[in-house]
Structure formats: structure tokens, C-alpha cells
Amino acid sequence: MKPPKTRSHYRNLIKAGELINLIQDDILCTDPDHKPMSPQRVNAIKLLLNKVLPDLRSVELSGEVDSNVTNNIQVSFVATAVPEVCGPPVPGKFIDEK
């Protein structure tokens, strides 16, 4: 007997890219004989996309006004190419222009 299929199995079956293409083709179609999608089909596509794509929601930071908030920020510097200079700069001309 086969084990029951999991939610992740069914999520993998939903092709988000294909669903997005269907909606885009329906909205952007320039064919004069194009028949628009029914509201039921659009709602079905929306329901499936909600199952596989994260729902982006706003996040609110709340707390006491006088409390301290600590942020840890890491900055990494990378080596950049040294610009080639062949002489004094010409006024009104950028380095990349030749």
C-alpha cells in the first residue's frame, strides 16, 4: 500500500509560473477574438497561487517608546577595478566616454 501524499507533494504539482503566464496572457492579449477568462477561473488560479507563493504582509514594530532597539549591521567591502586614467580630465566629459 502506498503512503498518503503530503501537502508538499501537491504544492510541487502546482506550477506557479504557468498560472502567472495564464493571467498575464488574459490581461495583455491583443487578439481581437480573445475570450476573457471567467471570474471562476481567475479565482481558482488565485487560490492555487496563494497555496504556493508567500503572502507578503506588512510588519509592524511595536513596543515602548523609550526602549532601545539594537540593530546589527554587517558591511562587506569588495575590491573594485581601478579606473584607467590617460591624462588630465577634460571638463564636461565623463571618464567612460571615449
PDB file of N, CA and C in Angstrom:
ATOM      1  N   MET A   1       0.848  -1.189   0.000  1.00  0.00           N
ATOM      2  CA  MET A   1       0.000   0.000   0.000  1.00  0.00           C
ATOM      3  C   MET A   1       0.887   1.243   0.000  1.00  0.00           C
ATOM      4  N   LYS A   2       0.551   2.208  -0.856  1.00  0.00           N
ATOM      5  CA  LYS A   2       1.341   3.427  -0.959  1.00  0.00           C
ATOM      6  C   LYS A   2       1.038   4.350   0.215  1.00  0.00           C
ATOM      7  N   PRO A   3       2.084   5.067   0.694  1.00  0.00           N
ATOM      8  CA  PRO A   3       1.820   6.047   1.765  1.00  0.00           C
ATOM      9  C   PRO A   3       1.016   7.225   1.210  1.00  0.00           C
ATOM     10  N   PRO A   4       0.208   7.874   2.059  1.00  0.00           N
ATOM     11  CA  PRO A   4      -0.567   9.028   1.574  1.00  0.00           C
ATOM     12  C   PRO A   4       0.360  10.168   1.144  1.00  0.00           C
ATOM     13  N   LYS A   5      -0.079  10.892   0.140  1.00  0.00           N
ATOM     14  CA  LYS A   5       0.727  12.003  -0.368  1.00  0.00           C
ATOM     15  C   LYS A   5       0.605  13.197   0.575  1.00  0.00           C
ATOM     16  N   THR A   6       1.705  13.917   0.702  1.00  0.00           N
ATOM     17  CA  THR A   6       1.747  15.037   1.637  1.00  0.00           C
ATOM     18  C   THR A   6       1.359  16.343   0.950  1.00  0.00           C
ATOM     19  N   ARG A   7       1.169  17.375   1.742  1.00  0.00           N
ATOM     20  CA  ARG A   7       0.855  18.705   1.210  1.00  0.00           C
ATOM     21  C   ARG A   7       1.954  19.222   0.305  1.00  0.00           C
ATOM     22  N   SER A   8       3.200  18.968   0.695  1.00  0.00           N
ATOM     23  CA  SER A   8       4.317  19.458  -0.118  1.00  0.00           C
ATOM     24  C   SER A   8       4.319  18.792  -1.490  1.00  0.00           C
ATOM     25  N   HIS A   9       3.864  17.539  -1.561  1.00  0.00           N
ATOM     26  CA  HIS A   9       3.765  16.861  -2.857  1.00  0.00           C
ATOM     27  C   HIS A   9       2.801  17.613  -3.771  1.00  0.00           C
ATOM     28  N   TYR A  10       1.652  17.992  -3.240  1.00  0.00           N
ATOM     29  CA  TYR A  10       0.666  18.704  -4.046  1.00  0.00           C
ATOM     30  C   TYR A  10       1.119  20.130  -4.373  1.00  0.00           C
ATOM     31  N   ARG A  11       1.842  20.769  -3.461  1.00  0.00           N
ATOM     32  CA  ARG A  11       2.382  22.099  -3.753  1.00  0.00           C
ATOM     33  C   ARG A  11       3.374  22.041  -4.905  1.00  0.00           C
ATOM     34  N   ASN A  12       4.149  20.965  -4.968  1.00  0.00           N
ATOM     35  CA  ASN A  12       5.117  20.808  -6.064  1.00  0.00           C
ATOM     36  C   ASN A  12       4.419  20.597  -7.403  1.00  0.00           C
ATOM     37  N   LEU A  13       3.200  20.083  -7.381  1.00  0.00           N
ATOM     38  CA  LEU A  13       2.458  19.874  -8.625  1.00  0.00           C
ATOM     39  C   LEU A  13       1.916  21.180  -9.209  1.00  0.00           C
ATOM     40  N   ILE A  14       1.724  22.195  -8.359  1.00  0.00           N
ATOM     41  CA  ILE A  14       1.183  23.477  -8.813  1.00  0.00           C
ATOM     42  C   ILE A  14       2.313  24.259  -9.476  1.00  0.00           C
ATOM     43  N   LYS A  15       2.146  24.581 -10.718  1.00  0.00           N
ATOM     44  CA  LYS A  15       3.164  25.320 -11.474  1.00  0.00           C
ATOM     45  C   LYS A  15       2.815  26.806 -11.447  1.00  0.00           C
ATOM     46  N   ALA A  16       3.435  27.541 -10.521  1.00  0.00           N
ATOM     47  CA  ALA A  16       3.114  28.955 -10.329  1.00  0.00           C
ATOM     48  C   ALA A  16       3.429  29.770 -11.583  1.00  0.00           C
ATOM     49  N   GLY A  17       4.530  29.467 -12.248  1.00  0.00           N
ATOM     50  CA  GLY A  17       4.914  30.215 -13.439  1.00  0.00           C
ATOM     51  C   GLY A  17       3.884  30.098 -14.550  1.00  0.00           C
ATOM     52  N   GLU A  18       3.350  28.878 -14.724  1.00  0.00           N
ATOM     53  CA  GLU A  18       2.339  28.673 -15.759  1.00  0.00           C
ATOM     54  C   GLU A  18       1.042  29.416 -15.421  1.00  0.00           C
ATOM     55  N   LEU A  19       0.684  29.424 -14.136  1.00  0.00           N
ATOM     56  CA  LEU A  19      -0.535  30.134 -13.725  1.00  0.00           C
ATOM     57  C   LEU A  19      -0.381  31.642 -13.933  1.00  0.00           C
ATOM     58  N   ILE A  20       0.788  32.165 -13.606  1.00  0.00           N
ATOM     59  CA  ILE A  20       1.039  33.599 -13.799  1.00  0.00           C
ATOM     60  C   ILE A  20       0.999  33.944 -15.287  1.00  0.00           C
ATOM     61  N   ASN A  21       1.566  33.068 -16.118  1.00  0.00           N
ATOM     62  CA  ASN A  21       1.522  33.295 -17.565  1.00  0.00           C
ATOM     63  C   ASN A  21       0.089  33.299 -18.083  1.00  0.00           C
ATOM     64  N   LEU A  22      -0.766  32.421 -17.561  1.00  0.00           N
ATOM     65  CA  LEU A  22      -2.170  32.398 -17.977  1.00  0.00           C
ATOM     66  C   LEU A  22      -2.855  33.732 -17.681  1.00  0.00           C
ATOM     67  N   ILE A  23      -2.627  34.248 -16.473  1.00  0.00           N
ATOM     68  CA  ILE A  23      -3.248  35.521 -16.092  1.00  0.00           C
ATOM     69  C   ILE A  23      -2.696  36.658 -16.953  1.00  0.00           C
ATOM     70  N   GLN A  24      -1.375  36.679 -17.158  1.00  0.00           N
ATOM     71  CA  GLN A  24      -0.771  37.732 -17.974  1.00  0.00           C
ATOM     72  C   GLN A  24      -1.287  37.686 -19.408  1.00  0.00           C
ATOM     73  N   ASP A  25      -1.385  36.484 -19.980  1.00  0.00           N
ATOM     74  CA  ASP A  25      -1.896  36.360 -21.350  1.00  0.00           C
ATOM     75  C   ASP A  25      -3.338  36.839 -21.443  1.00  0.00           C
ATOM     76  N   ASP A  26      -4.111  36.584 -20.390  1.00  0.00           N
ATOM     77  CA  ASP A  26      -5.504  37.015 -20.399  1.00  0.00           C
ATOM     78  C   ASP A  26      -5.607  38.537 -20.329  1.00  0.00           C
ATOM     79  N   ILE A  27      -4.749  39.154 -19.544  1.00  0.00           N
ATOM     80  CA  ILE A  27      -4.803  40.607 -19.366  1.00  0.00           C
ATOM     81  C   ILE A  27      -4.194  41.342 -20.564  1.00  0.00           C
ATOM     82  N   LEU A  28      -3.068  40.855 -21.058  1.00  0.00           N
ATOM     83  CA  LEU A  28      -2.316  41.569 -22.087  1.00  0.00           C
ATOM     84  C   LEU A  28      -2.660  41.139 -23.513  1.00  0.00           C
ATOM     85  N   CYS A  29      -3.604  40.259 -23.684  1.00  0.00           N
ATOM     86  CA  CYS A  29      -3.904  39.712 -25.004  1.00  0.00           C
ATOM     87  C   CYS A  29      -4.395  40.804 -25.952  1.00  0.00           C
ATOM     88  N   THR A  30      -3.808  40.851 -27.144  1.00  0.00           N
ATOM     89  CA  THR A  30      -4.195  41.846 -28.154  1.00  0.00           C
ATOM     90  C   THR A  30      -5.005  41.213 -29.276  1.00  0.00           C
ATOM     91  N   ASP A  31      -5.281  39.921 -29.188  1.00  0.00           N
ATOM     92  CA  ASP A  31      -6.063  39.223 -30.198  1.00  0.00           C
ATOM     93  C   ASP A  31      -7.514  39.694 -30.117  1.00  0.00           C
ATOM     94  N   PRO A  32      -8.094  40.195 -31.211  1.00  0.00           N
ATOM     95  CA  PRO A  32      -9.476  40.694 -31.147  1.00  0.00           C
ATOM     96  C   PRO A  32     -10.502  39.589 -30.887  1.00  0.00           C
ATOM     97  N   ASP A  33     -10.172  38.322 -31.203  1.00  0.00           N
ATOM     98  CA  ASP A  33     -11.095  37.216 -30.969  1.00  0.00           C
ATOM     99  C   ASP A  33     -10.911  36.574 -29.592  1.00  0.00           C
ATOM    100  N   HIS A  34     -10.064  37.172 -28.761  1.00  0.00           N
ATOM    101  CA  HIS A  34      -9.772  36.599 -27.439  1.00  0.00           C
ATOM    102  C   HIS A  34     -11.000  36.664 -26.544  1.00  0.00           C
ATOM    103  N   LYS A  35     -11.299  35.529 -25.910  1.00  0.00           N
ATOM    104  CA  LYS A  35     -12.404  35.482 -24.951  1.00  0.00           C
ATOM    105  C   LYS A  35     -11.799  35.552 -23.548  1.00  0.00           C
ATOM    106  N   PRO A  36     -12.179  36.545 -22.748  1.00  0.00           N
ATOM    107  CA  PRO A  36     -11.579  36.675 -21.419  1.00  0.00           C
ATOM    108  C   PRO A  36     -11.945  35.505 -20.507  1.00  0.00           C
ATOM    109  N   MET A  37     -11.081  35.277 -19.508  1.00  0.00           N
ATOM    110  CA  MET A  37     -11.318  34.206 -18.544  1.00  0.00           C
ATOM    111  C   MET A  37     -12.556  34.499 -17.711  1.00  0.00           C
ATOM    112  N   SER A  38     -13.191  33.442 -17.282  1.00  0.00           N
ATOM    113  CA  SER A  38     -14.348  33.607 -16.406  1.00  0.00           C
ATOM    114  C   SER A  38     -13.855  33.994 -15.011  1.00  0.00           C
ATOM    115  N   PRO A  39     -14.685  34.676 -14.233  1.00  0.00           N
ATOM    116  CA  PRO A  39     -14.284  35.019 -12.859  1.00  0.00           C
ATOM    117  C   PRO A  39     -13.978  33.782 -12.016  1.00  0.00           C
ATOM    118  N   GLN A  40     -14.658  32.678 -12.280  1.00  0.00           N
ATOM    119  CA  GLN A  40     -14.405  31.451 -11.521  1.00  0.00           C
ATOM    120  C   GLN A  40     -13.003  30.916 -11.801  1.00  0.00           C
ATOM    121  N   ARG A  41     -12.582  30.991 -13.065  1.00  0.00           N
ATOM    122  CA  ARG A  41     -11.240  30.513 -13.409  1.00  0.00           C
ATOM    123  C   ARG A  41     -10.167  31.412 -12.796  1.00  0.00           C
ATOM    124  N   VAL A  42     -10.393  32.721 -12.818  1.00  0.00           N
ATOM    125  CA  VAL A  42      -9.441  33.652 -12.205  1.00  0.00           C
ATOM    126  C   VAL A  42      -9.344  33.388 -10.710  1.00  0.00           C
ATOM    127  N   ASN A  43     -10.476  33.154 -10.052  1.00  0.00           N
ATOM    128  CA  ASN A  43     -10.465  32.875  -8.610  1.00  0.00           C
ATOM    129  C   ASN A  43      -9.769  31.550  -8.308  1.00  0.00           C
ATOM    130  N   ALA A  44      -9.936  30.555  -9.182  1.00  0.00           N
ATOM    131  CA  ALA A  44      -9.255  29.274  -8.980  1.00  0.00           C
ATOM    132  C   ALA A  44      -7.746  29.439  -9.092  1.00  0.00           C
ATOM    133  N   ILE A  45      -7.306  30.225 -10.079  1.00  0.00           N
ATOM    134  CA  ILE A  45      -5.868  30.481 -10.239  1.00  0.00           C
ATOM    135  C   ILE A  45      -5.329  31.239  -9.026  1.00  0.00           C
ATOM    136  N   LYS A  46      -6.086  32.217  -8.551  1.00  0.00           N
ATOM    137  CA  LYS A  46      -5.669  32.980  -7.364  1.00  0.00           C
ATOM    138  C   LYS A  46      -5.544  32.066  -6.147  1.00  0.00           C
ATOM    139  N   LEU A  47      -6.490  31.157  -5.980  1.00  0.00           N
ATOM    140  CA  LEU A  47      -6.460  30.225  -4.852  1.00  0.00           C
ATOM    141  C   LEU A  47      -5.218  29.342  -4.926  1.00  0.00           C
ATOM    142  N   LEU A  48      -4.907  28.825  -6.112  1.00  0.00           N
ATOM    143  CA  LEU A  48      -3.725  27.978  -6.256  1.00  0.00           C
ATOM    144  C   LEU A  48      -2.432  28.761  -6.017  1.00  0.00           C
ATOM    145  N   LEU A  49      -2.371  30.004  -6.504  1.00  0.00           N
ATOM    146  CA  LEU A  49      -1.172  30.815  -6.270  1.00  0.00           C
ATOM    147  C   LEU A  49      -0.984  31.121  -4.790  1.00  0.00           C
ATOM    148  N   ASN A  50      -2.089  31.304  -4.064  1.00  0.00           N
ATOM    149  CA  ASN A  50      -1.994  31.547  -2.618  1.00  0.00           C
ATOM    150  C   ASN A  50      -1.429  30.342  -1.878  1.00  0.00           C
ATOM    151  N   LYS A  51      -1.563  29.155  -2.461  1.00  0.00           N
ATOM    152  CA  LYS A  51      -1.038  27.945  -1.819  1.00  0.00           C
ATOM    153  C   LYS A  51       0.468  27.782  -1.997  1.00  0.00           C
ATOM    154  N   VAL A  52       1.010  28.329  -3.090  1.00  0.00           N
ATOM    155  CA  VAL A  52       2.429  28.088  -3.364  1.00  0.00           C
ATOM    156  C   VAL A  52       3.311  29.321  -3.220  1.00  0.00           C
ATOM    157  N   LEU A  53       2.752  30.523  -3.299  1.00  0.00           N
ATOM    158  CA  LEU A  53       3.550  31.737  -3.162  1.00  0.00           C
ATOM    159  C   LEU A  53       3.310  32.364  -1.797  1.00  0.00           C
ATOM    160  N   PRO A  54       4.343  32.931  -1.185  1.00  0.00           N
ATOM    161  CA  PRO A  54       4.144  33.549   0.126  1.00  0.00           C
ATOM    162  C   PRO A  54       3.278  34.799   0.012  1.00  0.00           C
ATOM    163  N   ASP A  55       2.480  35.008   1.020  1.00  0.00           N
ATOM    164  CA  ASP A  55       1.633  36.189   1.082  1.00  0.00           C
ATOM    165  C   ASP A  55       2.438  37.289   1.768  1.00  0.00           C
ATOM    166  N   LEU A  56       2.732  38.360   1.046  1.00  0.00           N
ATOM    167  CA  LEU A  56       3.543  39.443   1.593  1.00  0.00           C
ATOM    168  C   LEU A  56       2.641  40.382   2.390  1.00  0.00           C
ATOM    169  N   ARG A  57       2.894  40.476   3.645  1.00  0.00           N
ATOM    170  CA  ARG A  57       2.095  41.325   4.521  1.00  0.00           C
ATOM    171  C   ARG A  57       3.006  42.326   5.205  1.00  0.00           C
ATOM    172  N   SER A  58       2.418  43.427   5.611  1.00  0.00           N
ATOM    173  CA  SER A  58       3.215  44.435   6.304  1.00  0.00           C
ATOM    174  C   SER A  58       3.518  43.963   7.722  1.00  0.00           C
ATOM    175  N   VAL A  59       4.651  44.399   8.228  1.00  0.00           N
ATOM    176  CA  VAL A  59       5.068  44.039   9.571  1.00  0.00           C
ATOM    177  C   VAL A  59       5.160  45.315  10.390  1.00  0.00           C
ATOM    178  N   GLU A  60       4.574  45.296  11.554  1.00  0.00           N
ATOM    179  CA  GLU A  60       4.582  46.471  12.419  1.00  0.00           C
ATOM    180  C   GLU A  60       5.478  46.203  13.613  1.00  0.00           C
ATOM    181  N   LEU A  61       6.390  47.133  13.882  1.00  0.00           N
ATOM    182  CA  LEU A  61       7.258  47.043  15.038  1.00  0.00           C
ATOM    183  C   LEU A  61       6.627  47.856  16.143  1.00  0.00           C
ATOM    184  N   SER A  62       6.305  47.188  17.236  1.00  0.00           N
ATOM    185  CA  SER A  62       5.670  47.895  18.338  1.00  0.00           C
ATOM    186  C   SER A  62       6.469  47.661  19.616  1.00  0.00           C
ATOM    187  N   GLY A  63       6.273  48.525  20.558  1.00  0.00           N
ATOM    188  CA  GLY A  63       6.978  48.417  21.829  1.00  0.00           C
ATOM    189  C   GLY A  63       6.932  49.746  22.559  1.00  0.00           C
ATOM    190  N   GLU A  64       7.657  49.816  23.634  1.00  0.00           N
ATOM    191  CA  GLU A  64       7.683  51.052  24.407  1.00  0.00           C
ATOM    192  C   GLU A  64       8.492  52.115  23.663  1.00  0.00           C
ATOM    193  N   VAL A  65       8.069  53.354  23.801  1.00  0.00           N
ATOM    194  CA  VAL A  65       8.729  54.457  23.101  1.00  0.00           C
ATOM    195  C   VAL A  65      10.149  54.661  23.616  1.00  0.00           C
ATOM    196  N   ASP A  66      10.364  54.493  24.898  1.00  0.00           N
ATOM    197  CA  ASP A  66      11.675  54.750  25.484  1.00  0.00           C
ATOM    198  C   ASP A  66      12.609  53.544  25.443  1.00  0.00           C
ATOM    199  N   SER A  67      12.162  52.430  24.910  1.00  0.00           N
ATOM    200  CA  SER A  67      13.023  51.247  24.894  1.00  0.00           C
ATOM    201  C   SER A  67      14.050  51.355  23.775  1.00  0.00           C
ATOM    202  N   ASN A  68      15.177  50.680  23.960  1.00  0.00           N
ATOM    203  CA  ASN A  68      16.254  50.696  22.982  1.00  0.00           C
ATOM    204  C   ASN A  68      16.061  49.557  21.992  1.00  0.00           C
ATOM    205  N   VAL A  69      16.277  49.860  20.726  1.00  0.00           N
ATOM    206  CA  VAL A  69      16.233  48.841  19.682  1.00  0.00           C
ATOM    207  C   VAL A  69      17.645  48.721  19.129  1.00  0.00           C
ATOM    208  N   THR A  70      18.167  47.504  19.112  1.00  0.00           N
ATOM    209  CA  THR A  70      19.533  47.276  18.646  1.00  0.00           C
ATOM    210  C   THR A  70      19.490  46.627  17.273  1.00  0.00           C
ATOM    211  N   ASN A  71      20.222  47.198  16.341  1.00  0.00           N
ATOM    212  CA  ASN A  71      20.347  46.631  15.003  1.00  0.00           C
ATOM    213  C   ASN A  71      21.785  46.211  14.801  1.00  0.00           C
ATOM    214  N   ASN A  72      21.982  45.008  14.312  1.00  0.00           N
ATOM    215  CA  ASN A  72      23.317  44.529  13.959  1.00  0.00           C
ATOM    216  C   ASN A  72      23.440  44.580  12.445  1.00  0.00           C
ATOM    217  N   ILE A  73      24.373  45.380  11.952  1.00  0.00           N
ATOM    218  CA  ILE A  73      24.567  45.547  10.523  1.00  0.00           C
ATOM    219  C   ILE A  73      25.992  45.148  10.187  1.00  0.00           C
ATOM    220  N   GLN A  74      26.139  44.262   9.194  1.00  0.00           N
ATOM    221  CA  GLN A  74      27.457  43.832   8.759  1.00  0.00           C
ATOM    222  C   GLN A  74      27.702  44.415   7.374  1.00  0.00           C
ATOM    223  N   VAL A  75      28.835  45.060   7.203  1.00  0.00           N
ATOM    224  CA  VAL A  75      29.196  45.668   5.932  1.00  0.00           C
ATOM    225  C   VAL A  75      30.423  44.955   5.396  1.00  0.00           C
ATOM    226  N   SER A  76      30.349  44.534   4.138  1.00  0.00           N
ATOM    227  CA  SER A  76      31.491  43.886   3.490  1.00  0.00           C
ATOM    228  C   SER A  76      31.937  44.749   2.318  1.00  0.00           C
ATOM    229  N   PHE A  77      33.216  44.994   2.241  1.00  0.00           N
ATOM    230  CA  PHE A  77      33.768  45.770   1.147  1.00  0.00           C
ATOM    231  C   PHE A  77      34.393  44.817   0.134  1.00  0.00           C
ATOM    232  N   VAL A  78      34.209  45.115  -1.113  1.00  0.00           N
ATOM    233  CA  VAL A  78      34.805  44.299  -2.161  1.00  0.00           C
ATOM    234  C   VAL A  78      35.781  45.156  -2.940  1.00  0.00           C
ATOM    235  N   ALA A  79      36.782  44.512  -3.498  1.00  0.00           N
ATOM    236  CA  ALA A  79      37.766  45.235  -4.297  1.00  0.00           C
ATOM    237  C   ALA A  79      37.122  45.644  -5.614  1.00  0.00           C
ATOM    238  N   THR A  80      37.378  46.867  -6.034  1.00  0.00           N
ATOM    239  CA  THR A  80      36.831  47.348  -7.296  1.00  0.00           C
ATOM    240  C   THR A  80      37.969  47.594  -8.267  1.00  0.00           C
ATOM    241  N   ALA A  81      37.619  47.634  -9.522  1.00  0.00           N
ATOM    242  CA  ALA A  81      38.634  47.884 -10.541  1.00  0.00           C
ATOM    243  C   ALA A  81      39.122  49.321 -10.449  1.00  0.00           C
ATOM    244  N   VAL A  82      40.390  49.518 -10.708  1.00  0.00           N
ATOM    245  CA  VAL A  82      40.973  50.854 -10.695  1.00  0.00           C
ATOM    246  C   VAL A  82      40.724  51.482 -12.065  1.00  0.00           C
ATOM    247  N   PRO A  83      40.123  52.684 -12.110  1.00  0.00           N
ATOM    248  CA  PRO A  83      39.859  53.294 -13.414  1.00  0.00           C
ATOM    249  C   PRO A  83      41.156  53.662 -14.115  1.00  0.00           C
ATOM    250  N   GLU A  84      41.170  53.479 -15.410  1.00  0.00           N
ATOM    251  CA  GLU A  84      42.348  53.806 -16.209  1.00  0.00           C
ATOM    252  C   GLU A  84      42.297  55.288 -16.566  1.00  0.00           C
ATOM    253  N   VAL A  85      43.347  56.012 -16.222  1.00  0.00           N
ATOM    254  CA  VAL A  85      43.408  57.441 -16.490  1.00  0.00           C
ATOM    255  C   VAL A  85      44.559  57.687 -17.450  1.00  0.00           C
ATOM    256  N   CYS A  86      44.279  58.342 -18.577  1.00  0.00           N
ATOM    257  CA  CYS A  86      45.306  58.582 -19.593  1.00  0.00           C
ATOM    258  C   CYS A  86      45.794  60.019 -19.605  1.00  0.00           C
ATOM    259  N   GLY A  87      45.281  60.835 -18.781  1.00  0.00           N
ATOM    260  CA  GLY A  87      45.693  62.233 -18.773  1.00  0.00           C
ATOM    261  C   GLY A  87      44.750  63.034 -17.890  1.00  0.00           C
ATOM    262  N   PRO A  88      44.896  64.350 -17.901  1.00  0.00           N
ATOM    263  CA  PRO A  88      44.025  65.168 -17.067  1.00  0.00           C
ATOM    264  C   PRO A  88      42.588  65.091 -17.579  1.00  0.00           C
ATOM    265  N   PRO A  89      41.629  65.182 -16.672  1.00  0.00           N
ATOM    266  CA  PRO A  89      40.234  65.102 -17.093  1.00  0.00           C
ATOM    267  C   PRO A  89      39.847  66.295 -17.952  1.00  0.00           C
ATOM    268  N   VAL A  90      39.004  66.017 -18.924  1.00  0.00           N
ATOM    269  CA  VAL A  90      38.501  67.056 -19.807  1.00  0.00           C
ATOM    270  C   VAL A  90      37.198  67.561 -19.205  1.00  0.00           C
ATOM    271  N   PRO A  91      37.069  68.892 -19.007  1.00  0.00           N
ATOM    272  CA  PRO A  91      35.837  69.406 -18.411  1.00  0.00           C
ATOM    273  C   PRO A  91      34.622  69.043 -19.258  1.00  0.00           C
ATOM    274  N   GLY A  92      33.568  68.573 -18.591  1.00  0.00           N
ATOM    275  CA  GLY A  92      32.325  68.225 -19.268  1.00  0.00           C
ATOM    276  C   GLY A  92      32.335  66.854 -19.907  1.00  0.00           C
ATOM    277  N   LYS A  93      33.405  66.076 -19.763  1.00  0.00           N
ATOM    278  CA  LYS A  93      33.471  64.737 -20.353  1.00  0.00           C
ATOM    279  C   LYS A  93      33.651  63.714 -19.230  1.00  0.00           C
ATOM    280  N   PHE A  94      32.843  62.649 -19.289  1.00  0.00           N
ATOM    281  CA  PHE A  94      32.933  61.606 -18.274  1.00  0.00           C
ATOM    282  C   PHE A  94      34.065  60.646 -18.613  1.00  0.00           C
ATOM    283  N   ILE A  95      34.549  59.912 -17.612  1.00  0.00           N
ATOM    284  CA  ILE A  95      35.668  59.009 -17.791  1.00  0.00           C
ATOM    285  C   ILE A  95      35.293  57.887 -18.772  1.00  0.00           C
ATOM    286  N   ASP A  96      34.044  57.368 -18.704  1.00  0.00           N
ATOM    287  CA  ASP A  96      33.643  56.245 -19.531  1.00  0.00           C
ATOM    288  C   ASP A  96      33.461  56.629 -20.987  1.00  0.00           C
ATOM    289  N   GLU A  97      33.295  57.912 -21.285  1.00  0.00           N
ATOM    290  CA  GLU A  97      33.106  58.321 -22.663  1.00  0.00           C
ATOM    291  C   GLU A  97      34.437  58.312 -23.397  1.00  0.00           C
ATOM    292  N   LYS A  98      34.424  57.892 -24.623  1.00  0.00           N
ATOM    293  CA  LYS A  98      35.658  57.862 -25.405  1.00  0.00           C
ATOM    294  C   LYS A  98      35.519  58.747 -26.599  1.00  0.00           C
TER     295      LYS A  98
END
